[in-house]
Amino acid sequence: MPDRFRLRRVLTVTGVTCNVCYMTDSNKSRRDELLDATVAYLLRQGVADLSLRPLAAAIGTKARMLIYHFGSRDALLAEAMSIVRQRIQHTFVATFQETEGSVNDMVVEFWKWAVSRSNERYLRLIFEVQGLALQNPDAYGGYMRGSLESWITVVTEKIDRKLPPARRRVLATLAIGVIDGLLLDYLSTGDLKRTTRAARTFARHFERDLV
């Protein structure tokens, strides 16, 4: 279920707009269509200099309708980014199930998915928002904290439950930090061979020595 967001000029992950509470089923359907179209637009254009009028024109609506459905530009952006995160997390969970719980295989297969040409746009969008969060934490920091916490929860669930909860959480944080850094390295340098070898090395040691 998509995150809900407070109606204010910051990117956050709590609360709900009053418009959402009383929408009819048809409005909800139109809202979902606009949200999906916004995600597609962001994957093509990125977040920098995003404004409602060009976005609305590109997805076949009016800026006032986006305000009606989402409350503000930042609330719309937050929901769209939560959809992006959910799609990636769905792939992560599916990969874990397909690899029958092998941490090494899970990391390797997820890495392959992440660096494929068709999915690279997801990574670039996420890292763009991370960069904006560093520059403007008031607007984007809340979203990034919520996103990171969501990832820690998802990865923690996939680590051996025989380990103490606190250790599982630390290991999840470690894994996220390493893979996140390697993906940023790959996008920055284009060196797929080196970063892939590093990811595979980490996966082997993570499963053998840490878990």
N, C-alpha and C. Protein backbone atom coordinates (compact mmCIF):
# COMPACT_ATOMS: atom_id res chain seq x y z
N MET A 1 0.85 -1.19 0.00
CA MET A 1 0.00 0.00 0.00
C MET A 1 0.88 1.24 0.00
N PRO A 2 0.59 2.22 -0.88
CA PRO A 2 1.44 3.40 -0.94
C PRO A 2 1.46 4.15 0.37
N ASP A 3 2.62 4.77 0.67
CA ASP A 3 2.73 5.62 1.84
C ASP A 3 1.75 6.77 1.69
N ARG A 4 1.32 7.34 2.84
CA ARG A 4 0.47 8.52 2.80
C ARG A 4 1.23 9.69 3.38
N PHE A 5 0.85 10.87 2.96
CA PHE A 5 1.70 12.01 3.23
C PHE A 5 0.92 13.19 3.76
N ARG A 6 1.55 13.93 4.67
CA ARG A 6 0.97 15.12 5.24
C ARG A 6 0.91 16.23 4.18
N LEU A 7 -0.15 17.04 4.23
CA LEU A 7 -0.32 18.13 3.28
C LEU A 7 0.50 19.33 3.76
N ARG A 8 1.75 19.40 3.29
CA ARG A 8 2.64 20.50 3.64
C ARG A 8 3.74 20.57 2.61
N ARG A 9 4.54 21.63 2.63
CA ARG A 9 5.54 21.82 1.60
C ARG A 9 6.86 21.16 1.96
N VAL A 10 6.80 19.96 2.43
CA VAL A 10 8.01 19.17 2.64
C VAL A 10 7.73 17.77 2.17
N LEU A 11 8.79 17.05 1.83
CA LEU A 11 8.68 15.67 1.40
C LEU A 11 8.76 14.81 2.65
N THR A 12 7.65 14.15 3.01
CA THR A 12 7.61 13.41 4.25
C THR A 12 6.84 12.12 4.06
N VAL A 13 6.68 11.32 5.11
CA VAL A 13 6.08 10.00 4.96
C VAL A 13 5.02 9.73 5.99
N THR A 14 4.38 10.76 6.51
CA THR A 14 3.33 10.56 7.50
C THR A 14 2.12 11.38 7.16
N GLY A 15 0.99 11.00 7.71
CA GLY A 15 -0.21 11.79 7.56
C GLY A 15 -0.98 11.46 6.29
N VAL A 16 -2.05 12.22 6.02
CA VAL A 16 -2.90 11.99 4.86
C VAL A 16 -3.61 13.29 4.52
N THR A 17 -3.80 13.59 3.25
CA THR A 17 -4.50 14.79 2.87
C THR A 17 -5.99 14.59 3.04
N CYS A 18 -6.70 15.68 3.32
CA CYS A 18 -8.14 15.57 3.52
C CYS A 18 -8.84 15.17 2.23
N ASN A 19 -8.30 15.58 1.07
CA ASN A 19 -8.91 15.20 -0.20
C ASN A 19 -8.97 13.69 -0.37
N VAL A 20 -7.91 13.02 0.08
CA VAL A 20 -7.82 11.57 -0.12
C VAL A 20 -8.92 10.86 0.66
N CYS A 21 -9.25 11.38 1.83
CA CYS A 21 -10.16 10.68 2.74
C CYS A 21 -11.54 10.49 2.14
N TYR A 22 -11.99 11.43 1.28
CA TYR A 22 -13.37 11.41 0.82
C TYR A 22 -13.51 11.16 -0.67
N MET A 23 -12.49 10.61 -1.29
CA MET A 23 -12.54 10.36 -2.72
C MET A 23 -13.47 9.21 -3.04
N THR A 24 -14.16 9.31 -4.16
CA THR A 24 -14.96 8.21 -4.67
C THR A 24 -14.04 7.21 -5.34
N ASP A 25 -14.58 6.03 -5.66
CA ASP A 25 -13.77 5.01 -6.32
C ASP A 25 -13.24 5.52 -7.66
N SER A 26 -14.07 6.29 -8.39
CA SER A 26 -13.63 6.80 -9.69
C SER A 26 -12.49 7.79 -9.51
N ASN A 27 -12.57 8.62 -8.48
CA ASN A 27 -11.50 9.57 -8.21
C ASN A 27 -10.22 8.86 -7.83
N LYS A 28 -10.36 7.79 -7.03
CA LYS A 28 -9.18 7.02 -6.65
C LYS A 28 -8.52 6.43 -7.88
N SER A 29 -9.33 5.95 -8.83
CA SER A 29 -8.78 5.37 -10.05
C SER A 29 -8.04 6.44 -10.84
N ARG A 30 -8.62 7.61 -10.99
CA ARG A 30 -7.97 8.69 -11.71
C ARG A 30 -6.71 9.12 -10.98
N ARG A 31 -6.77 9.15 -9.66
CA ARG A 31 -5.61 9.52 -8.86
C ARG A 31 -4.47 8.54 -9.11
N ASP A 32 -4.78 7.25 -9.13
CA ASP A 32 -3.76 6.23 -9.39
C ASP A 32 -3.15 6.39 -10.78
N GLU A 33 -4.00 6.72 -11.76
CA GLU A 33 -3.50 6.93 -13.12
C GLU A 33 -2.51 8.09 -13.16
N LEU A 34 -2.87 9.18 -12.48
CA LEU A 34 -1.99 10.34 -12.44
C LEU A 34 -0.68 10.03 -11.72
N LEU A 35 -0.78 9.22 -10.67
CA LEU A 35 0.42 8.85 -9.92
C LEU A 35 1.34 7.99 -10.77
N ASP A 36 0.78 7.02 -11.48
CA ASP A 36 1.59 6.18 -12.36
C ASP A 36 2.23 7.00 -13.47
N ALA A 37 1.47 7.94 -14.02
CA ALA A 37 2.00 8.79 -15.08
C ALA A 37 3.11 9.70 -14.55
N THR A 38 2.97 10.15 -13.32
CA THR A 38 4.01 10.98 -12.71
C THR A 38 5.29 10.18 -12.51
N VAL A 39 5.16 8.94 -12.06
CA VAL A 39 6.33 8.07 -11.91
C VAL A 39 7.05 7.91 -13.24
N ALA A 40 6.29 7.64 -14.29
CA ALA A 40 6.89 7.47 -15.61
C ALA A 40 7.61 8.75 -16.05
N TYR A 41 6.99 9.91 -15.76
CA TYR A 41 7.60 11.19 -16.11
C TYR A 41 8.91 11.40 -15.36
N LEU A 42 8.91 11.12 -14.06
CA LEU A 42 10.11 11.29 -13.25
C LEU A 42 11.23 10.37 -13.72
N LEU A 43 10.89 9.17 -14.12
CA LEU A 43 11.90 8.23 -14.60
C LEU A 43 12.54 8.73 -15.90
N ARG A 44 11.79 9.49 -16.67
CA ARG A 44 12.32 10.06 -17.91
C ARG A 44 13.06 11.37 -17.68
N GLN A 45 12.48 12.23 -16.85
CA GLN A 45 12.96 13.61 -16.74
C GLN A 45 13.75 13.91 -15.46
N GLY A 46 13.58 13.10 -14.43
CA GLY A 46 14.23 13.38 -13.16
C GLY A 46 13.42 14.36 -12.33
N VAL A 47 14.02 14.79 -11.21
CA VAL A 47 13.32 15.63 -10.24
C VAL A 47 13.74 17.09 -10.34
N ALA A 48 14.93 17.34 -10.79
CA ALA A 48 15.46 18.71 -10.81
C ALA A 48 14.52 19.66 -11.55
N ASP A 49 14.24 20.79 -10.91
CA ASP A 49 13.40 21.84 -11.50
C ASP A 49 11.99 21.36 -11.82
N LEU A 50 11.52 20.34 -11.12
CA LEU A 50 10.17 19.84 -11.35
C LEU A 50 9.14 20.89 -10.94
N SER A 51 8.22 21.18 -11.84
CA SER A 51 7.11 22.07 -11.51
C SER A 51 5.82 21.44 -12.04
N LEU A 52 4.70 21.84 -11.47
CA LEU A 52 3.44 21.17 -11.76
C LEU A 52 2.93 21.42 -13.18
N ARG A 53 3.09 22.62 -13.70
CA ARG A 53 2.52 22.92 -15.02
C ARG A 53 3.13 22.07 -16.13
N PRO A 54 4.46 21.99 -16.26
CA PRO A 54 5.03 21.12 -17.30
C PRO A 54 4.69 19.65 -17.06
N LEU A 55 4.70 19.23 -15.80
CA LEU A 55 4.34 17.85 -15.49
C LEU A 55 2.91 17.57 -15.91
N ALA A 56 2.00 18.44 -15.53
CA ALA A 56 0.59 18.24 -15.87
C ALA A 56 0.39 18.18 -17.38
N ALA A 57 1.04 19.07 -18.10
CA ALA A 57 0.91 19.08 -19.56
C ALA A 57 1.43 17.78 -20.16
N ALA A 58 2.51 17.27 -19.61
CA ALA A 58 3.13 16.05 -20.14
C ALA A 58 2.27 14.81 -19.89
N ILE A 59 1.50 14.80 -18.81
CA ILE A 59 0.72 13.60 -18.47
C ILE A 59 -0.77 13.78 -18.76
N GLY A 60 -1.12 14.87 -19.45
CA GLY A 60 -2.48 15.04 -19.92
C GLY A 60 -3.49 15.51 -18.89
N THR A 61 -3.08 16.42 -18.02
CA THR A 61 -4.01 16.95 -17.03
C THR A 61 -3.68 18.41 -16.77
N LYS A 62 -4.28 18.99 -15.74
CA LYS A 62 -4.04 20.37 -15.37
C LYS A 62 -3.36 20.41 -14.00
N ALA A 63 -2.59 21.46 -13.77
CA ALA A 63 -1.90 21.60 -12.48
C ALA A 63 -2.90 21.62 -11.33
N ARG A 64 -4.05 22.27 -11.53
CA ARG A 64 -5.04 22.35 -10.45
C ARG A 64 -5.60 20.98 -10.09
N MET A 65 -5.64 20.06 -11.05
CA MET A 65 -6.12 18.70 -10.76
C MET A 65 -5.08 17.94 -9.94
N LEU A 66 -3.82 18.19 -10.20
CA LEU A 66 -2.78 17.56 -9.38
C LEU A 66 -2.85 18.08 -7.95
N ILE A 67 -3.11 19.38 -7.79
CA ILE A 67 -3.28 19.95 -6.45
C ILE A 67 -4.49 19.33 -5.77
N TYR A 68 -5.58 19.17 -6.52
CA TYR A 68 -6.80 18.58 -5.97
C TYR A 68 -6.54 17.17 -5.44
N HIS A 69 -5.85 16.37 -6.23
CA HIS A 69 -5.64 14.97 -5.86
C HIS A 69 -4.54 14.77 -4.83
N PHE A 70 -3.49 15.60 -4.86
CA PHE A 70 -2.33 15.34 -4.02
C PHE A 70 -2.00 16.44 -3.03
N GLY A 71 -2.58 17.60 -3.19
CA GLY A 71 -2.39 18.66 -2.22
C GLY A 71 -1.26 19.61 -2.53
N SER A 72 -0.13 19.10 -2.99
CA SER A 72 1.03 19.94 -3.29
C SER A 72 2.00 19.19 -4.19
N ARG A 73 2.92 19.93 -4.77
CA ARG A 73 3.97 19.33 -5.59
C ARG A 73 4.78 18.33 -4.78
N ASP A 74 5.16 18.72 -3.57
CA ASP A 74 6.03 17.86 -2.77
C ASP A 74 5.31 16.59 -2.30
N ALA A 75 4.02 16.72 -2.01
CA ALA A 75 3.26 15.53 -1.62
C ALA A 75 3.15 14.55 -2.79
N LEU A 76 2.93 15.09 -3.99
CA LEU A 76 2.90 14.24 -5.19
C LEU A 76 4.24 13.57 -5.41
N LEU A 77 5.30 14.33 -5.29
CA LEU A 77 6.64 13.78 -5.48
C LEU A 77 6.93 12.69 -4.47
N ALA A 78 6.53 12.90 -3.23
CA ALA A 78 6.77 11.90 -2.19
C ALA A 78 6.04 10.60 -2.49
N GLU A 79 4.81 10.70 -2.92
CA GLU A 79 4.05 9.48 -3.25
C GLU A 79 4.64 8.78 -4.46
N ALA A 80 5.04 9.56 -5.46
CA ALA A 80 5.64 8.96 -6.65
C ALA A 80 6.93 8.23 -6.31
N MET A 81 7.75 8.84 -5.45
CA MET A 81 9.00 8.19 -5.05
C MET A 81 8.76 6.95 -4.21
N SER A 82 7.67 6.94 -3.44
CA SER A 82 7.36 5.74 -2.67
C SER A 82 6.98 4.58 -3.61
N ILE A 83 6.34 4.90 -4.74
CA ILE A 83 6.02 3.88 -5.73
C ILE A 83 7.30 3.32 -6.34
N VAL A 84 8.23 4.20 -6.64
CA VAL A 84 9.53 3.75 -7.18
C VAL A 84 10.20 2.80 -6.20
N ARG A 85 10.23 3.19 -4.93
CA ARG A 85 10.86 2.35 -3.91
C ARG A 85 10.14 1.01 -3.79
N GLN A 86 8.82 1.01 -3.80
CA GLN A 86 8.06 -0.22 -3.67
C GLN A 86 8.31 -1.18 -4.84
N ARG A 87 8.46 -0.64 -6.02
CA ARG A 87 8.75 -1.50 -7.18
C ARG A 87 10.10 -2.20 -7.01
N ILE A 88 11.09 -1.45 -6.54
CA ILE A 88 12.41 -2.04 -6.35
C ILE A 88 12.38 -3.06 -5.22
N GLN A 89 11.69 -2.73 -4.14
CA GLN A 89 11.61 -3.66 -3.01
C GLN A 89 10.85 -4.93 -3.39
N HIS A 90 9.84 -4.80 -4.23
CA HIS A 90 9.11 -5.98 -4.70
C HIS A 90 10.05 -6.90 -5.47
N THR A 91 10.91 -6.32 -6.30
CA THR A 91 11.89 -7.12 -7.03
C THR A 91 12.86 -7.79 -6.07
N PHE A 92 13.29 -7.06 -5.05
CA PHE A 92 14.22 -7.60 -4.06
C PHE A 92 13.61 -8.82 -3.36
N VAL A 93 12.36 -8.69 -2.92
CA VAL A 93 11.69 -9.79 -2.22
C VAL A 93 11.50 -10.98 -3.16
N ALA A 94 11.08 -10.70 -4.40
CA ALA A 94 10.89 -11.78 -5.37
C ALA A 94 12.20 -12.50 -5.66
N THR A 95 13.29 -11.74 -5.74
CA THR A 95 14.60 -12.34 -5.97
C THR A 95 14.99 -13.25 -4.82
N PHE A 96 14.71 -12.82 -3.59
CA PHE A 96 15.01 -13.64 -2.42
C PHE A 96 14.26 -14.96 -2.49
N GLN A 97 13.00 -14.92 -2.87
CA GLN A 97 12.20 -16.14 -2.95
C GLN A 97 12.70 -17.06 -4.05
N GLU A 98 13.09 -16.48 -5.18
CA GLU A 98 13.58 -17.28 -6.31
C GLU A 98 14.91 -17.94 -6.01
N THR A 99 15.73 -17.32 -5.17
CA THR A 99 17.04 -17.89 -4.85
C THR A 99 16.99 -18.77 -3.60
N GLU A 100 15.79 -19.07 -3.13
CA GLU A 100 15.57 -19.99 -2.02
C GLU A 100 16.33 -19.57 -0.76
N GLY A 101 16.41 -18.27 -0.53
CA GLY A 101 16.98 -17.80 0.72
C GLY A 101 18.48 -17.68 0.77
N SER A 102 19.20 -17.94 -0.32
CA SER A 102 20.65 -17.78 -0.34
C SER A 102 21.00 -16.30 -0.41
N VAL A 103 21.67 -15.80 0.62
CA VAL A 103 22.03 -14.38 0.64
C VAL A 103 22.97 -14.05 -0.51
N ASN A 104 23.94 -14.91 -0.77
CA ASN A 104 24.89 -14.68 -1.85
C ASN A 104 24.17 -14.57 -3.19
N ASP A 105 23.32 -15.54 -3.48
CA ASP A 105 22.60 -15.53 -4.76
C ASP A 105 21.64 -14.35 -4.85
N MET A 106 21.02 -14.01 -3.73
CA MET A 106 20.08 -12.90 -3.71
C MET A 106 20.77 -11.60 -4.08
N VAL A 107 21.93 -11.34 -3.47
CA VAL A 107 22.66 -10.11 -3.75
C VAL A 107 23.10 -10.07 -5.21
N VAL A 108 23.61 -11.20 -5.71
CA VAL A 108 24.10 -11.26 -7.08
C VAL A 108 22.97 -11.02 -8.07
N GLU A 109 21.83 -11.69 -7.87
CA GLU A 109 20.71 -11.54 -8.80
C GLU A 109 20.10 -10.16 -8.73
N PHE A 110 20.00 -9.59 -7.52
CA PHE A 110 19.46 -8.25 -7.40
C PHE A 110 20.39 -7.23 -8.05
N TRP A 111 21.69 -7.45 -7.92
CA TRP A 111 22.66 -6.57 -8.56
C TRP A 111 22.47 -6.60 -10.07
N LYS A 112 22.30 -7.78 -10.63
CA LYS A 112 22.09 -7.91 -12.07
C LYS A 112 20.87 -7.11 -12.50
N TRP A 113 19.81 -7.21 -11.71
CA TRP A 113 18.59 -6.47 -12.04
C TRP A 113 18.85 -4.97 -11.98
N ALA A 114 19.52 -4.53 -10.94
CA ALA A 114 19.71 -3.10 -10.70
C ALA A 114 20.55 -2.44 -11.79
N VAL A 115 21.56 -3.14 -12.32
CA VAL A 115 22.47 -2.52 -13.28
C VAL A 115 22.06 -2.77 -14.73
N SER A 116 20.95 -3.44 -14.93
CA SER A 116 20.49 -3.65 -16.31
C SER A 116 20.07 -2.31 -16.91
N ARG A 117 20.20 -2.18 -18.20
CA ARG A 117 19.91 -0.92 -18.89
C ARG A 117 18.48 -0.45 -18.63
N SER A 118 17.54 -1.40 -18.61
CA SER A 118 16.13 -1.03 -18.47
C SER A 118 15.80 -0.52 -17.07
N ASN A 119 16.61 -0.87 -16.08
CA ASN A 119 16.31 -0.47 -14.70
C ASN A 119 17.23 0.62 -14.17
N GLU A 120 18.22 1.00 -14.94
CA GLU A 120 19.18 2.02 -14.50
C GLU A 120 18.48 3.34 -14.17
N ARG A 121 17.40 3.64 -14.86
CA ARG A 121 16.68 4.90 -14.62
C ARG A 121 16.14 4.98 -13.21
N TYR A 122 15.77 3.83 -12.61
CA TYR A 122 15.30 3.83 -11.23
C TYR A 122 16.42 4.27 -10.29
N LEU A 123 17.62 3.76 -10.54
CA LEU A 123 18.76 4.11 -9.69
C LEU A 123 19.09 5.59 -9.80
N ARG A 124 19.12 6.09 -11.02
CA ARG A 124 19.47 7.49 -11.21
C ARG A 124 18.47 8.42 -10.53
N LEU A 125 17.20 8.06 -10.57
CA LEU A 125 16.18 8.88 -9.91
C LEU A 125 16.36 8.85 -8.40
N ILE A 126 16.61 7.69 -7.84
CA ILE A 126 16.78 7.56 -6.39
C ILE A 126 18.00 8.34 -5.92
N PHE A 127 19.11 8.22 -6.63
CA PHE A 127 20.31 8.94 -6.22
C PHE A 127 20.17 10.45 -6.42
N GLU A 128 19.38 10.84 -7.40
CA GLU A 128 19.12 12.27 -7.58
C GLU A 128 18.40 12.82 -6.35
N VAL A 129 17.40 12.09 -5.86
CA VAL A 129 16.66 12.54 -4.68
C VAL A 129 17.55 12.52 -3.44
N GLN A 130 18.44 11.52 -3.36
CA GLN A 130 19.37 11.49 -2.23
C GLN A 130 20.26 12.73 -2.23
N GLY A 131 20.73 13.13 -3.41
CA GLY A 131 21.55 14.33 -3.50
C GLY A 131 20.78 15.57 -3.09
N LEU A 132 19.51 15.65 -3.50
CA LEU A 132 18.68 16.78 -3.11
C LEU A 132 18.44 16.80 -1.60
N ALA A 133 18.35 15.61 -1.00
CA ALA A 133 18.13 15.54 0.44
C ALA A 133 19.31 16.10 1.21
N LEU A 134 20.53 15.92 0.67
CA LEU A 134 21.71 16.48 1.31
C LEU A 134 21.72 18.01 1.21
N GLN A 135 21.24 18.52 0.09
CA GLN A 135 21.23 19.96 -0.12
C GLN A 135 20.05 20.64 0.56
N ASN A 136 18.93 19.94 0.64
CA ASN A 136 17.72 20.53 1.19
C ASN A 136 17.03 19.53 2.11
N PRO A 137 17.60 19.28 3.29
CA PRO A 137 17.04 18.27 4.20
C PRO A 137 15.64 18.60 4.69
N ASP A 138 15.31 19.89 4.78
CA ASP A 138 13.97 20.25 5.23
C ASP A 138 12.90 19.74 4.27
N ALA A 139 13.19 19.76 2.99
CA ALA A 139 12.22 19.32 1.99
C ALA A 139 12.27 17.83 1.73
N TYR A 140 13.48 17.25 1.72
CA TYR A 140 13.63 15.87 1.28
C TYR A 140 14.11 14.91 2.37
N GLY A 141 14.60 15.44 3.47
CA GLY A 141 15.18 14.58 4.50
C GLY A 141 14.20 13.58 5.09
N GLY A 142 12.96 14.03 5.32
CA GLY A 142 11.96 13.12 5.89
C GLY A 142 11.69 11.93 5.01
N TYR A 143 11.59 12.18 3.71
CA TYR A 143 11.39 11.08 2.77
C TYR A 143 12.55 10.11 2.80
N MET A 144 13.78 10.63 2.77
CA MET A 144 14.94 9.76 2.73
C MET A 144 15.06 8.92 3.99
N ARG A 145 14.77 9.51 5.14
CA ARG A 145 14.81 8.73 6.38
C ARG A 145 13.77 7.62 6.35
N GLY A 146 12.58 7.94 5.88
CA GLY A 146 11.54 6.92 5.78
C GLY A 146 11.90 5.83 4.80
N SER A 147 12.51 6.22 3.68
CA SER A 147 12.91 5.26 2.67
C SER A 147 13.98 4.31 3.21
N LEU A 148 14.98 4.87 3.89
CA LEU A 148 16.05 4.05 4.44
C LEU A 148 15.50 3.08 5.50
N GLU A 149 14.62 3.57 6.35
CA GLU A 149 14.05 2.71 7.38
C GLU A 149 13.25 1.58 6.75
N SER A 150 12.55 1.89 5.67
CA SER A 150 11.79 0.87 4.97
C SER A 150 12.71 -0.22 4.42
N TRP A 151 13.85 0.19 3.83
CA TRP A 151 14.80 -0.78 3.29
C TRP A 151 15.42 -1.63 4.40
N ILE A 152 15.75 -0.99 5.51
CA ILE A 152 16.34 -1.74 6.62
C ILE A 152 15.36 -2.81 7.11
N THR A 153 14.10 -2.47 7.18
CA THR A 153 13.09 -3.44 7.62
C THR A 153 12.99 -4.60 6.64
N VAL A 154 12.95 -4.29 5.34
CA VAL A 154 12.82 -5.34 4.32
C VAL A 154 14.02 -6.28 4.36
N VAL A 155 15.23 -5.73 4.40
CA VAL A 155 16.44 -6.57 4.37
C VAL A 155 16.59 -7.34 5.69
N THR A 156 16.27 -6.73 6.81
CA THR A 156 16.36 -7.41 8.10
C THR A 156 15.52 -8.68 8.10
N GLU A 157 14.35 -8.61 7.47
CA GLU A 157 13.46 -9.77 7.43
C GLU A 157 14.06 -10.95 6.67
N LYS A 158 15.04 -10.69 5.83
CA LYS A 158 15.64 -11.75 5.01
C LYS A 158 16.91 -12.33 5.62
N ILE A 159 17.33 -11.81 6.75
CA ILE A 159 18.52 -12.31 7.42
C ILE A 159 18.13 -13.34 8.47
N ASP A 160 18.98 -14.35 8.63
CA ASP A 160 18.74 -15.48 9.53
C ASP A 160 18.10 -15.04 10.85
N ARG A 161 16.91 -15.56 11.13
CA ARG A 161 16.19 -15.18 12.34
C ARG A 161 16.81 -15.78 13.60
N LYS A 162 17.78 -16.65 13.45
CA LYS A 162 18.46 -17.18 14.63
C LYS A 162 19.35 -16.13 15.27
N LEU A 163 19.72 -15.13 14.50
CA LEU A 163 20.55 -14.05 15.03
C LEU A 163 19.69 -13.09 15.86
N PRO A 164 20.29 -12.42 16.84
CA PRO A 164 19.55 -11.42 17.64
C PRO A 164 19.02 -10.31 16.73
N PRO A 165 17.85 -9.78 17.03
CA PRO A 165 17.25 -8.73 16.19
C PRO A 165 18.17 -7.53 15.96
N ALA A 166 18.87 -7.10 17.00
CA ALA A 166 19.75 -5.95 16.85
C ALA A 166 20.87 -6.23 15.86
N ARG A 167 21.42 -7.46 15.89
CA ARG A 167 22.50 -7.81 14.96
C ARG A 167 21.96 -7.90 13.54
N ARG A 168 20.78 -8.45 13.37
CA ARG A 168 20.19 -8.53 12.05
C ARG A 168 20.00 -7.14 11.45
N ARG A 169 19.59 -6.21 12.28
CA ARG A 169 19.38 -4.83 11.82
C ARG A 169 20.70 -4.17 11.42
N VAL A 170 21.74 -4.42 12.20
CA VAL A 170 23.06 -3.88 11.86
C VAL A 170 23.57 -4.47 10.55
N LEU A 171 23.40 -5.78 10.38
CA LEU A 171 23.84 -6.43 9.14
C LEU A 171 23.06 -5.91 7.94
N ALA A 172 21.77 -5.67 8.13
CA ALA A 172 20.96 -5.10 7.05
C ALA A 172 21.47 -3.72 6.67
N THR A 173 21.81 -2.92 7.68
CA THR A 173 22.34 -1.58 7.43
C THR A 173 23.66 -1.66 6.67
N LEU A 174 24.50 -2.60 7.04
CA LEU A 174 25.78 -2.80 6.36
C LEU A 174 25.56 -3.17 4.90
N ALA A 175 24.69 -4.13 4.67
CA ALA A 175 24.44 -4.59 3.30
C ALA A 175 23.89 -3.46 2.43
N ILE A 176 22.96 -2.71 2.97
CA ILE A 176 22.37 -1.60 2.21
C ILE A 176 23.44 -0.56 1.88
N GLY A 177 24.27 -0.23 2.88
CA GLY A 177 25.31 0.78 2.67
C GLY A 177 26.30 0.37 1.60
N VAL A 178 26.72 -0.90 1.63
CA VAL A 178 27.71 -1.38 0.65
C VAL A 178 27.13 -1.39 -0.76
N ILE A 179 25.96 -1.99 -0.93
CA ILE A 179 25.36 -2.08 -2.26
C ILE A 179 24.99 -0.69 -2.79
N ASP A 180 24.47 0.15 -1.91
CA ASP A 180 24.15 1.53 -2.29
C ASP A 180 25.40 2.24 -2.81
N GLY A 181 26.49 2.09 -2.10
CA GLY A 181 27.74 2.72 -2.50
C GLY A 181 28.27 2.19 -3.81
N LEU A 182 28.17 0.88 -4.01
CA LEU A 182 28.65 0.28 -5.26
C LEU A 182 27.79 0.69 -6.44
N LEU A 183 26.49 0.81 -6.23
CA LEU A 183 25.61 1.26 -7.31
C LEU A 183 25.92 2.70 -7.70
N LEU A 184 26.18 3.53 -6.70
CA LEU A 184 26.55 4.92 -6.98
C LEU A 184 27.88 4.98 -7.72
N ASP A 185 28.81 4.13 -7.32
CA ASP A 185 30.11 4.02 -7.99
C ASP A 185 29.91 3.67 -9.46
N TYR A 186 29.07 2.66 -9.70
CA TYR A 186 28.82 2.22 -11.08
C TYR A 186 28.21 3.34 -11.92
N LEU A 187 27.21 4.03 -11.37
CA LEU A 187 26.56 5.10 -12.12
C LEU A 187 27.51 6.26 -12.38
N SER A 188 28.45 6.48 -11.46
CA SER A 188 29.38 7.60 -11.59
C SER A 188 30.51 7.30 -12.56
N THR A 189 30.99 6.06 -12.54
CA THR A 189 32.17 5.71 -13.33
C THR A 189 31.86 4.89 -14.57
N GLY A 190 30.74 4.17 -14.57
CA GLY A 190 30.41 3.29 -15.67
C GLY A 190 31.21 2.00 -15.66
N ASP A 191 31.97 1.76 -14.59
CA ASP A 191 32.83 0.57 -14.51
C ASP A 191 32.02 -0.60 -13.97
N LEU A 192 31.30 -1.27 -14.85
CA LEU A 192 30.43 -2.36 -14.43
C LEU A 192 31.23 -3.58 -13.98
N LYS A 193 32.33 -3.86 -14.67
CA LYS A 193 33.11 -5.05 -14.34
C LYS A 193 33.67 -4.98 -12.92
N ARG A 194 34.29 -3.87 -12.57
CA ARG A 194 34.90 -3.72 -11.24
C ARG A 194 33.84 -3.73 -10.13
N THR A 195 32.76 -2.98 -10.32
CA THR A 195 31.74 -2.90 -9.28
C THR A 195 30.98 -4.23 -9.13
N THR A 196 30.81 -4.93 -10.22
CA THR A 196 30.15 -6.25 -10.14
C THR A 196 31.02 -7.23 -9.36
N ARG A 197 32.32 -7.22 -9.63
CA ARG A 197 33.23 -8.09 -8.88
C ARG A 197 33.21 -7.74 -7.39
N ALA A 198 33.16 -6.46 -7.09
CA ALA A 198 33.10 -6.04 -5.69
C ALA A 198 31.81 -6.51 -5.03
N ALA A 199 30.68 -6.39 -5.74
CA ALA A 199 29.39 -6.82 -5.20
C ALA A 199 29.39 -8.32 -4.95
N ARG A 200 29.94 -9.09 -5.89
CA ARG A 200 29.99 -10.54 -5.72
C ARG A 200 30.90 -10.92 -4.54
N THR A 201 32.02 -10.22 -4.40
CA THR A 201 32.93 -10.49 -3.28
C THR A 201 32.25 -10.19 -1.95
N PHE A 202 31.58 -9.06 -1.89
CA PHE A 202 30.86 -8.72 -0.66
C PHE A 202 29.80 -9.77 -0.34
N ALA A 203 29.05 -10.21 -1.34
CA ALA A 203 27.98 -11.18 -1.13
C ALA A 203 28.53 -12.48 -0.54
N ARG A 204 29.66 -12.95 -1.09
CA ARG A 204 30.25 -14.19 -0.59
C ARG A 204 30.67 -14.04 0.87
N HIS A 205 31.36 -12.97 1.19
CA HIS A 205 31.84 -12.76 2.55
C HIS A 205 30.71 -12.48 3.52
N PHE A 206 29.70 -11.78 3.05
CA PHE A 206 28.55 -11.46 3.91
C PHE A 206 27.85 -12.74 4.34
N GLU A 207 27.65 -13.65 3.41
CA GLU A 207 26.95 -14.89 3.73
C GLU A 207 27.85 -15.82 4.56
N ARG A 208 29.12 -15.90 4.23
CA ARG A 208 30.03 -16.86 4.87
C ARG A 208 30.51 -16.39 6.24
N ASP A 209 30.88 -15.12 6.33
CA ASP A 209 31.53 -14.65 7.55
C ASP A 209 30.62 -13.89 8.51
N LEU A 210 29.62 -13.21 7.96
CA LEU A 210 28.79 -12.37 8.81
C LEU A 210 27.49 -13.04 9.22
N VAL A 211 26.85 -13.72 8.30
CA VAL A 211 25.56 -14.35 8.56
C VAL A 211 25.75 -15.80 8.90
